[in-house]
């Protein structure tokens, strides 16, 4: 499903009169989650899942061609962990 299809589904199920309103709602949710993650906090939607930030520590990797060690910098990445209700819905 692409963003346009998701907006259509939100407009239909959410009772929005236009797709433009549904798009604003989706953008607000995405922006809010992004802002919280940038601040270093987590977002928990009970039954759906949790968005949080994980820090992958710096490490030494290897170049597969030359086998030389290559330094890999520390990296902060967003992580989503599905909630039990979402897992149950998918595994029906």
PDB file of N, CA and C in Angstrom:
ATOM      1  N   UNK A   1       0.844  -1.170   0.000  1.00  0.00           N
ATOM      2  CA  UNK A   1       0.000   0.000   0.000  1.00  0.00           C
ATOM      3  C   UNK A   1       0.891   1.236   0.000  1.00  0.00           C
ATOM      4  N   UNK A   2       0.606   2.134  -0.865  1.00  0.00           N
ATOM      5  CA  UNK A   2       1.352   3.385  -0.960  1.00  0.00           C
ATOM      6  C   UNK A   2       0.615   4.473  -0.181  1.00  0.00           C
ATOM      7  N   UNK A   3       1.268   5.617  -0.013  1.00  0.00           N
ATOM      8  CA  UNK A   3       0.694   6.684   0.796  1.00  0.00           C
ATOM      9  C   UNK A   3      -0.665   7.142   0.281  1.00  0.00           C
ATOM     10  N   UNK A   4      -0.812   7.254  -1.029  1.00  0.00           N
ATOM     11  CA  UNK A   4      -2.087   7.698  -1.595  1.00  0.00           C
ATOM     12  C   UNK A   4      -3.208   6.706  -1.271  1.00  0.00           C
ATOM     13  N   UNK A   5      -2.897   5.425  -1.321  1.00  0.00           N
ATOM     14  CA  UNK A   5      -3.894   4.402  -0.991  1.00  0.00           C
ATOM     15  C   UNK A   5      -4.232   4.434   0.495  1.00  0.00           C
ATOM     16  N   UNK A   6      -3.246   4.690   1.322  1.00  0.00           N
ATOM     17  CA  UNK A   6      -3.477   4.794   2.758  1.00  0.00           C
ATOM     18  C   UNK A   6      -4.355   6.005   3.065  1.00  0.00           C
ATOM     19  N   UNK A   7      -4.108   7.106   2.394  1.00  0.00           N
ATOM     20  CA  UNK A   7      -4.926   8.312   2.586  1.00  0.00           C
ATOM     21  C   UNK A   7      -6.373   8.035   2.199  1.00  0.00           C
ATOM     22  N   UNK A   8      -6.573   7.319   1.102  1.00  0.00           N
ATOM     23  CA  UNK A   8      -7.936   6.966   0.687  1.00  0.00           C
ATOM     24  C   UNK A   8      -8.622   6.096   1.733  1.00  0.00           C
ATOM     25  N   UNK A   9      -7.889   5.128   2.288  1.00  0.00           N
ATOM     26  CA  UNK A   9      -8.454   4.251   3.310  1.00  0.00           C
ATOM     27  C   UNK A   9      -8.786   5.036   4.574  1.00  0.00           C
ATOM     28  N   UNK A  10      -7.916   5.966   4.957  1.00  0.00           N
ATOM     29  CA  UNK A  10      -8.166   6.789   6.144  1.00  0.00           C
ATOM     30  C   UNK A  10      -9.391   7.668   5.922  1.00  0.00           C
ATOM     31  N   UNK A  11      -9.514   8.248   4.738  1.00  0.00           N
ATOM     32  CA  UNK A  11     -10.667   9.099   4.435  1.00  0.00           C
ATOM     33  C   UNK A  11     -11.963   8.302   4.510  1.00  0.00           C
ATOM     34  N   UNK A  12     -11.930   7.078   4.007  1.00  0.00           N
ATOM     35  CA  UNK A  12     -13.129   6.238   4.002  1.00  0.00           C
ATOM     36  C   UNK A  12     -13.502   5.764   5.406  1.00  0.00           C
ATOM     37  N   UNK A  13     -12.526   5.207   6.120  1.00  0.00           N
ATOM     38  CA  UNK A  13     -12.802   4.649   7.445  1.00  0.00           C
ATOM     39  C   UNK A  13     -12.941   5.715   8.522  1.00  0.00           C
ATOM     40  N   UNK A  14     -12.255   6.824   8.351  1.00  0.00           N
ATOM     41  CA  UNK A  14     -12.277   7.877   9.362  1.00  0.00           C
ATOM     42  C   UNK A  14     -13.414   8.859   9.204  1.00  0.00           C
ATOM     43  N   UNK A  15     -14.153   8.748   8.122  1.00  0.00           N
ATOM     44  CA  UNK A  15     -15.284   9.635   7.902  1.00  0.00           C
ATOM     45  C   UNK A  15     -14.898  11.044   7.491  1.00  0.00           C
ATOM     46  N   UNK A  16     -13.711  11.204   6.910  1.00  0.00           N
ATOM     47  CA  UNK A  16     -13.298  12.520   6.433  1.00  0.00           C
ATOM     48  C   UNK A  16     -14.034  12.833   5.136  1.00  0.00           C
ATOM     49  N   UNK A  17     -14.416  14.101   4.972  1.00  0.00           N
ATOM     50  CA  UNK A  17     -15.173  14.467   3.785  1.00  0.00           C
ATOM     51  C   UNK A  17     -14.284  14.562   2.542  1.00  0.00           C
ATOM     52  N   UNK A  18     -13.006  14.851   2.743  1.00  0.00           N
ATOM     53  CA  UNK A  18     -12.098  14.928   1.599  1.00  0.00           C
ATOM     54  C   UNK A  18     -10.805  14.169   1.899  1.00  0.00           C
ATOM     55  N   UNK A  19     -10.136  13.788   0.844  1.00  0.00           N
ATOM     56  CA  UNK A  19      -8.835  13.124   1.002  1.00  0.00           C
ATOM     57  C   UNK A  19      -7.796  14.108   1.524  1.00  0.00           C
ATOM     58  N   UNK A  20      -8.002  15.381   1.265  1.00  0.00           N
ATOM     59  CA  UNK A  20      -7.071  16.414   1.736  1.00  0.00           C
ATOM     60  C   UNK A  20      -7.063  16.445   3.265  1.00  0.00           C
ATOM     61  N   UNK A  21      -8.241  16.315   3.890  1.00  0.00           N
ATOM     62  CA  UNK A  21      -8.320  16.284   5.353  1.00  0.00           C
ATOM     63  C   UNK A  21      -7.630  15.034   5.901  1.00  0.00           C
ATOM     64  N   UNK A  22      -7.836  13.903   5.238  1.00  0.00           N
ATOM     65  CA  UNK A  22      -7.205  12.655   5.664  1.00  0.00           C
ATOM     66  C   UNK A  22      -5.694  12.756   5.526  1.00  0.00           C
ATOM     67  N   UNK A  23      -5.225  13.400   4.471  1.00  0.00           N
ATOM     68  CA  UNK A  23      -3.786  13.573   4.277  1.00  0.00           C
ATOM     69  C   UNK A  23      -3.197  14.442   5.383  1.00  0.00           C
ATOM     70  N   UNK A  24      -3.920  15.512   5.767  1.00  0.00           N
ATOM     71  CA  UNK A  24      -3.460  16.369   6.864  1.00  0.00           C
ATOM     72  C   UNK A  24      -3.351  15.570   8.161  1.00  0.00           C
ATOM     73  N   UNK A  25      -4.340  14.709   8.413  1.00  0.00           N
ATOM     74  CA  UNK A  25      -4.334  13.893   9.633  1.00  0.00           C
ATOM     75  C   UNK A  25      -3.148  12.931   9.628  1.00  0.00           C
ATOM     76  N   UNK A  26      -2.918  12.261   8.511  1.00  0.00           N
ATOM     77  CA  UNK A  26      -1.796  11.329   8.406  1.00  0.00           C
ATOM     78  C   UNK A  26      -0.468  12.059   8.565  1.00  0.00           C
ATOM     79  N   UNK A  27      -0.326  13.192   7.906  1.00  0.00           N
ATOM     80  CA  UNK A  27       0.912  13.973   8.015  1.00  0.00           C
ATOM     81  C   UNK A  27       1.145  14.438   9.442  1.00  0.00           C
ATOM     82  N   UNK A  28       0.068  14.816  10.151  1.00  0.00           N
ATOM     83  CA  UNK A  28       0.197  15.252  11.542  1.00  0.00           C
ATOM     84  C   UNK A  28       0.681  14.109  12.423  1.00  0.00           C
ATOM     85  N   UNK A  29       0.167  12.907  12.204  1.00  0.00           N
ATOM     86  CA  UNK A  29       0.588  11.743  12.981  1.00  0.00           C
ATOM     87  C   UNK A  29       2.061  11.434  12.704  1.00  0.00           C
ATOM     88  N   UNK A  30       2.439  11.405  11.446  1.00  0.00           N
ATOM     89  CA  UNK A  30       3.821  11.104  11.080  1.00  0.00           C
ATOM     90  C   UNK A  30       4.769  12.162  11.635  1.00  0.00           C
ATOM     91  N   UNK A  31       4.406  13.431  11.515  1.00  0.00           N
ATOM     92  CA  UNK A  31       5.246  14.517  12.026  1.00  0.00           C
ATOM     93  C   UNK A  31       5.382  14.446  13.548  1.00  0.00           C
ATOM     94  N   UNK A  32       4.300  14.127  14.226  1.00  0.00           N
ATOM     95  CA  UNK A  32       4.328  14.038  15.687  1.00  0.00           C
ATOM     96  C   UNK A  32       5.219  12.897  16.149  1.00  0.00           C
ATOM     97  N   UNK A  33       5.102  11.740  15.510  1.00  0.00           N
ATOM     98  CA  UNK A  33       5.948  10.601  15.857  1.00  0.00           C
ATOM     99  C   UNK A  33       7.405  10.932  15.592  1.00  0.00           C
ATOM    100  N   UNK A  34       7.683  11.567  14.466  1.00  0.00           N
ATOM    101  CA  UNK A  34       9.054  11.954  14.115  1.00  0.00           C
ATOM    102  C   UNK A  34       9.630  12.916  15.145  1.00  0.00           C
ATOM    103  N   UNK A  35       8.851  13.911  15.543  1.00  0.00           N
ATOM    104  CA  UNK A  35       9.324  14.889  16.528  1.00  0.00           C
ATOM    105  C   UNK A  35       9.678  14.230  17.857  1.00  0.00           C
ATOM    106  N   UNK A  36       8.844  13.283  18.291  1.00  0.00           N
ATOM    107  CA  UNK A  36       9.098  12.586  19.553  1.00  0.00           C
ATOM    108  C   UNK A  36      10.370  11.746  19.449  1.00  0.00           C
ATOM    109  N   UNK A  37      10.554  11.053  18.321  1.00  0.00           N
ATOM    110  CA  UNK A  37      11.748  10.232  18.143  1.00  0.00           C
ATOM    111  C   UNK A  37      13.009  11.083  18.068  1.00  0.00           C
ATOM    112  N   UNK A  38      12.942  12.227  17.414  1.00  0.00           N
ATOM    113  CA  UNK A  38      14.086  13.133  17.323  1.00  0.00           C
ATOM    114  C   UNK A  38      14.469  13.616  18.721  1.00  0.00           C
ATOM    115  N   UNK A  39      13.480  13.803  19.589  1.00  0.00           N
ATOM    116  CA  UNK A  39      13.738  14.236  20.963  1.00  0.00           C
ATOM    117  C   UNK A  39      14.317  13.110  21.821  1.00  0.00           C
ATOM    118  N   UNK A  40      14.318  11.870  21.279  1.00  0.00           N
ATOM    119  CA  UNK A  40      14.890  10.751  22.007  1.00  0.00           C
ATOM    120  C   UNK A  40      13.895   9.971  22.847  1.00  0.00           C
ATOM    121  N   UNK A  41      12.623  10.305  22.739  1.00  0.00           N
ATOM    122  CA  UNK A  41      11.581   9.604  23.491  1.00  0.00           C
ATOM    123  C   UNK A  41      10.995   8.482  22.650  1.00  0.00           C
ATOM    124  N   UNK A  42       9.986   7.789  23.213  1.00  0.00           N
ATOM    125  CA  UNK A  42       9.325   6.737  22.456  1.00  0.00           C
ATOM    126  C   UNK A  42       7.830   6.997  22.397  1.00  0.00           C
ATOM    127  N   UNK A  43       7.180   6.428  21.395  1.00  0.00           N
ATOM    128  CA  UNK A  43       5.739   6.551  21.212  1.00  0.00           C
ATOM    129  C   UNK A  43       5.143   5.156  21.327  1.00  0.00           C
ATOM    130  N   UNK A  44       4.215   4.989  22.279  1.00  0.00           N
ATOM    131  CA  UNK A  44       3.561   3.704  22.460  1.00  0.00           C
ATOM    132  C   UNK A  44       2.089   3.841  22.114  1.00  0.00           C
ATOM    133  N   UNK A  45       1.644   3.072  21.144  1.00  0.00           N
ATOM    134  CA  UNK A  45       0.236   3.008  20.774  1.00  0.00           C
ATOM    135  C   UNK A  45      -0.256   1.636  21.227  1.00  0.00           C
ATOM    136  N   UNK A  46      -0.950   1.599  22.349  1.00  0.00           N
ATOM    137  CA  UNK A  46      -1.347   0.343  22.972  1.00  0.00           C
ATOM    138  C   UNK A  46      -2.102  -0.524  21.972  1.00  0.00           C
ATOM    139  N   UNK A  47      -1.669  -1.758  21.829  1.00  0.00           N
ATOM    140  CA  UNK A  47      -2.285  -2.695  20.902  1.00  0.00           C
ATOM    141  C   UNK A  47      -1.688  -2.651  19.509  1.00  0.00           C
ATOM    142  N   UNK A  48      -1.081  -1.540  19.145  1.00  0.00           N
ATOM    143  CA  UNK A  48      -0.497  -1.411  17.810  1.00  0.00           C
ATOM    144  C   UNK A  48       1.006  -1.647  17.846  1.00  0.00           C
ATOM    145  N   UNK A  49       1.699  -0.878  18.695  1.00  0.00           N
ATOM    146  CA  UNK A  49       3.134  -1.067  18.794  1.00  0.00           C
ATOM    147  C   UNK A  49       3.842   0.132  19.370  1.00  0.00           C
ATOM    148  N   UNK A  50       5.169   0.057  19.380  1.00  0.00           N
ATOM    149  CA  UNK A  50       6.000   1.103  19.957  1.00  0.00           C
ATOM    150  C   UNK A  50       7.063   1.532  18.957  1.00  0.00           C
ATOM    151  N   UNK A  51       7.171   2.841  18.786  1.00  0.00           N
ATOM    152  CA  UNK A  51       8.239   3.437  17.994  1.00  0.00           C
ATOM    153  C   UNK A  51       9.269   3.954  18.980  1.00  0.00           C
ATOM    154  N   UNK A  52      10.541   3.629  18.771  1.00  0.00           N
ATOM    155  CA  UNK A  52      11.589   4.149  19.639  1.00  0.00           C
ATOM    156  C   UNK A  52      12.876   4.306  18.846  1.00  0.00           C
ATOM    157  N   UNK A  53      13.862   4.905  19.490  1.00  0.00           N
ATOM    158  CA  UNK A  53      15.159   5.147  18.861  1.00  0.00           C
ATOM    159  C   UNK A  53      16.170   4.191  19.472  1.00  0.00           C
ATOM    160  N   UNK A  54      16.988   3.592  18.629  1.00  0.00           N
ATOM    161  CA  UNK A  54      18.029   2.676  19.072  1.00  0.00           C
ATOM    162  C   UNK A  54      19.366   3.210  18.579  1.00  0.00           C
ATOM    163  N   UNK A  55      20.387   3.083  19.412  1.00  0.00           N
ATOM    164  CA  UNK A  55      21.731   3.519  19.027  1.00  0.00           C
ATOM    165  C   UNK A  55      22.567   2.278  18.731  1.00  0.00           C
ATOM    166  N   UNK A  56      23.016   2.171  17.486  1.00  0.00           N
ATOM    167  CA  UNK A  56      23.941   1.099  17.117  1.00  0.00           C
ATOM    168  C   UNK A  56      25.349   1.609  17.397  1.00  0.00           C
ATOM    169  N   UNK A  57      26.079   0.950  18.296  1.00  0.00           N
ATOM    170  CA  UNK A  57      27.401   1.461  18.672  1.00  0.00           C
ATOM    171  C   UNK A  57      28.414   1.372  17.530  1.00  0.00           C
ATOM    172  N   UNK A  58      29.471   2.173  17.657  1.00  0.00           N
ATOM    173  CA  UNK A  58      30.553   2.126  16.674  1.00  0.00           C
ATOM    174  C   UNK A  58      31.211   0.751  16.742  1.00  0.00           C
ATOM    175  N   UNK A  59      31.681   0.282  15.604  1.00  0.00           N
ATOM    176  CA  UNK A  59      32.313  -1.031  15.560  1.00  0.00           C
ATOM    177  C   UNK A  59      33.282  -1.079  14.385  1.00  0.00           C
ATOM    178  N   UNK A  60      33.984  -2.170  14.293  1.00  0.00           N
ATOM    179  CA  UNK A  60      34.917  -2.353  13.185  1.00  0.00           C
ATOM    180  C   UNK A  60      34.360  -3.452  12.288  1.00  0.00           C
ATOM    181  N   UNK A  61      34.156  -3.118  11.020  1.00  0.00           N
ATOM    182  CA  UNK A  61      33.693  -4.093  10.036  1.00  0.00           C
ATOM    183  C   UNK A  61      34.856  -4.513   9.155  1.00  0.00           C
ATOM    184  N   UNK A  62      34.542  -5.288   8.139  1.00  0.00           N
ATOM    185  CA  UNK A  62      35.583  -5.740   7.203  1.00  0.00           C
ATOM    186  C   UNK A  62      35.127  -5.476   5.777  1.00  0.00           C
ATOM    187  N   UNK A  63      36.061  -4.999   4.963  1.00  0.00           N
ATOM    188  CA  UNK A  63      35.811  -4.854   3.542  1.00  0.00           C
ATOM    189  C   UNK A  63      35.814  -6.270   2.959  1.00  0.00           C
ATOM    190  N   UNK A  64      34.706  -6.705   2.332  1.00  0.00           N
ATOM    191  CA  UNK A  64      34.647  -8.084   1.850  1.00  0.00           C
ATOM    192  C   UNK A  64      35.663  -8.409   0.752  1.00  0.00           C
ATOM    193  N   UNK A  65      36.082  -7.418  -0.010  1.00  0.00           N
ATOM    194  CA  UNK A  65      37.058  -7.672  -1.080  1.00  0.00           C
ATOM    195  C   UNK A  65      38.479  -7.803  -0.547  1.00  0.00           C
ATOM    196  N   UNK A  66      38.861  -6.828   0.268  1.00  0.00           N
ATOM    197  CA  UNK A  66      40.262  -6.774   0.709  1.00  0.00           C
ATOM    198  C   UNK A  66      40.468  -7.341   2.104  1.00  0.00           C
ATOM    199  N   UNK A  67      39.398  -7.600   2.818  1.00  0.00           N
ATOM    200  CA  UNK A  67      39.443  -8.101   4.204  1.00  0.00           C
ATOM    201  C   UNK A  67      40.067  -7.101   5.174  1.00  0.00           C
ATOM    202  N   UNK A  68      40.224  -5.843   4.734  1.00  0.00           N
ATOM    203  CA  UNK A  68      40.776  -4.815   5.604  1.00  0.00           C
ATOM    204  C   UNK A  68      39.717  -4.368   6.613  1.00  0.00           C
ATOM    205  N   UNK A  69      40.134  -4.017   7.838  1.00  0.00           N
ATOM    206  CA  UNK A  69      39.173  -3.481   8.810  1.00  0.00           C
ATOM    207  C   UNK A  69      38.682  -2.100   8.374  1.00  0.00           C
ATOM    208  N   UNK A  70      37.402  -1.861   8.558  1.00  0.00           N
ATOM    209  CA  UNK A  70      36.788  -0.587   8.193  1.00  0.00           C
ATOM    210  C   UNK A  70      36.009  -0.087   9.411  1.00  0.00           C
ATOM    211  N   UNK A  71      36.284   1.134   9.871  1.00  0.00           N
ATOM    212  CA  UNK A  71      35.538   1.644  11.023  1.00  0.00           C
ATOM    213  C   UNK A  71      34.104   2.013  10.604  1.00  0.00           C
ATOM    214  N   UNK A  72      33.136   1.596  11.423  1.00  0.00           N
ATOM    215  CA  UNK A  72      31.737   1.934  11.190  1.00  0.00           C
ATOM    216  C   UNK A  72      31.309   2.820  12.351  1.00  0.00           C
ATOM    217  N   UNK A  73      30.825   4.016  12.027  1.00  0.00           N
ATOM    218  CA  UNK A  73      30.462   4.996  13.045  1.00  0.00           C
ATOM    219  C   UNK A  73      29.189   4.601  13.786  1.00  0.00           C
ATOM    220  N   UNK A  74      29.020   5.180  14.960  1.00  0.00           N
ATOM    221  CA  UNK A  74      27.794   5.005  15.731  1.00  0.00           C
ATOM    222  C   UNK A  74      26.623   5.567  14.936  1.00  0.00           C
ATOM    223  N   UNK A  75      25.495   4.908  15.004  1.00  0.00           N
ATOM    224  CA  UNK A  75      24.349   5.325  14.209  1.00  0.00           C
ATOM    225  C   UNK A  75      23.074   5.220  15.039  1.00  0.00           C
ATOM    226  N   UNK A  76      22.226   6.221  14.948  1.00  0.00           N
ATOM    227  CA  UNK A  76      20.935   6.215  15.619  1.00  0.00           C
ATOM    228  C   UNK A  76      19.873   5.862  14.590  1.00  0.00           C
ATOM    229  N   UNK A  77      19.057   4.843  14.904  1.00  0.00           N
ATOM    230  CA  UNK A  77      18.046   4.388  13.959  1.00  0.00           C
ATOM    231  C   UNK A  77      16.686   4.272  14.632  1.00  0.00           C
ATOM    232  N   UNK A  78      15.603   4.542  13.880  1.00  0.00           N
ATOM    233  CA  UNK A  78      14.269   4.328  14.437  1.00  0.00           C
ATOM    234  C   UNK A  78      13.916   2.846  14.387  1.00  0.00           C
ATOM    235  N   UNK A  79      13.177   2.396  15.407  1.00  0.00           N
ATOM    236  CA  UNK A  79      12.794   0.992  15.504  1.00  0.00           C
ATOM    237  C   UNK A  79      11.303   0.923  15.818  1.00  0.00           C
ATOM    238  N   UNK A  80      10.609  -0.038  15.219  1.00  0.00           N
ATOM    239  CA  UNK A  80       9.198  -0.279  15.533  1.00  0.00           C
ATOM    240  C   UNK A  80       9.052  -1.697  16.040  1.00  0.00           C
ATOM    241  N   UNK A  81       8.389  -1.854  17.181  1.00  0.00           N
ATOM    242  CA  UNK A  81       8.102  -3.178  17.718  1.00  0.00           C
ATOM    243  C   UNK A  81       6.589  -3.327  17.771  1.00  0.00           C
ATOM    244  N   UNK A  82       6.079  -4.323  17.071  1.00  0.00           N
ATOM    245  CA  UNK A  82       4.640  -4.537  16.983  1.00  0.00           C
ATOM    246  C   UNK A  82       4.066  -4.952  18.330  1.00  0.00           C
ATOM    247  N   UNK A  83       2.867  -4.462  18.637  1.00  0.00           N
ATOM    248  CA  UNK A  83       2.157  -4.836  19.853  1.00  0.00           C
ATOM    249  C   UNK A  83       1.450  -6.176  19.671  1.00  0.00           C
ATOM    250  N   UNK A  84       0.983  -6.746  20.777  1.00  0.00           N
ATOM    251  CA  UNK A  84       0.371  -8.068  20.732  1.00  0.00           C
ATOM    252  C   UNK A  84      -0.901  -8.093  19.890  1.00  0.00           C
ATOM    253  N   UNK A  85      -1.726  -7.058  19.972  1.00  0.00           N
ATOM    254  CA  UNK A  85      -2.967  -7.034  19.196  1.00  0.00           C
ATOM    255  C   UNK A  85      -2.674  -7.029  17.697  1.00  0.00           C
ATOM    256  N   UNK A  86      -1.652  -6.286  17.275  1.00  0.00           N
ATOM    257  CA  UNK A  86      -1.266  -6.254  15.863  1.00  0.00           C
ATOM    258  C   UNK A  86      -0.736  -7.608  15.430  1.00  0.00           C
ATOM    259  N   UNK A  87       0.098  -8.228  16.280  1.00  0.00           N
ATOM    260  CA  UNK A  87       0.628  -9.564  15.956  1.00  0.00           C
ATOM    261  C   UNK A  87      -0.506 -10.577  15.818  1.00  0.00           C
ATOM    262  N   UNK A  88      -1.468 -10.523  16.731  1.00  0.00           N
ATOM    263  CA  UNK A  88      -2.600 -11.436  16.679  1.00  0.00           C
ATOM    264  C   UNK A  88      -3.439 -11.232  15.426  1.00  0.00           C
ATOM    265  N   UNK A  89      -3.656  -9.969  15.038  1.00  0.00           N
ATOM    266  CA  UNK A  89      -4.461  -9.661  13.852  1.00  0.00           C
ATOM    267  C   UNK A  89      -3.784 -10.181  12.586  1.00  0.00           C
ATOM    268  N   UNK A  90      -2.476 -10.080  12.528  1.00  0.00           N
ATOM    269  CA  UNK A  90      -1.734 -10.520  11.343  1.00  0.00           C
ATOM    270  C   UNK A  90      -1.677 -12.045  11.269  1.00  0.00           C
ATOM    271  N   UNK A  91      -1.642 -12.712  12.419  1.00  0.00           N
ATOM    272  CA  UNK A  91      -1.498 -14.161  12.453  1.00  0.00           C
ATOM    273  C   UNK A  91      -2.814 -14.921  12.474  1.00  0.00           C
ATOM    274  N   UNK A  92      -3.909 -14.302  12.093  1.00  0.00           N
ATOM    275  CA  UNK A  92      -5.204 -14.995  12.052  1.00  0.00           C
ATOM    276  C   UNK A  92      -5.238 -16.013  10.966  1.00  0.00           C
TER     277      UNK A  92
END
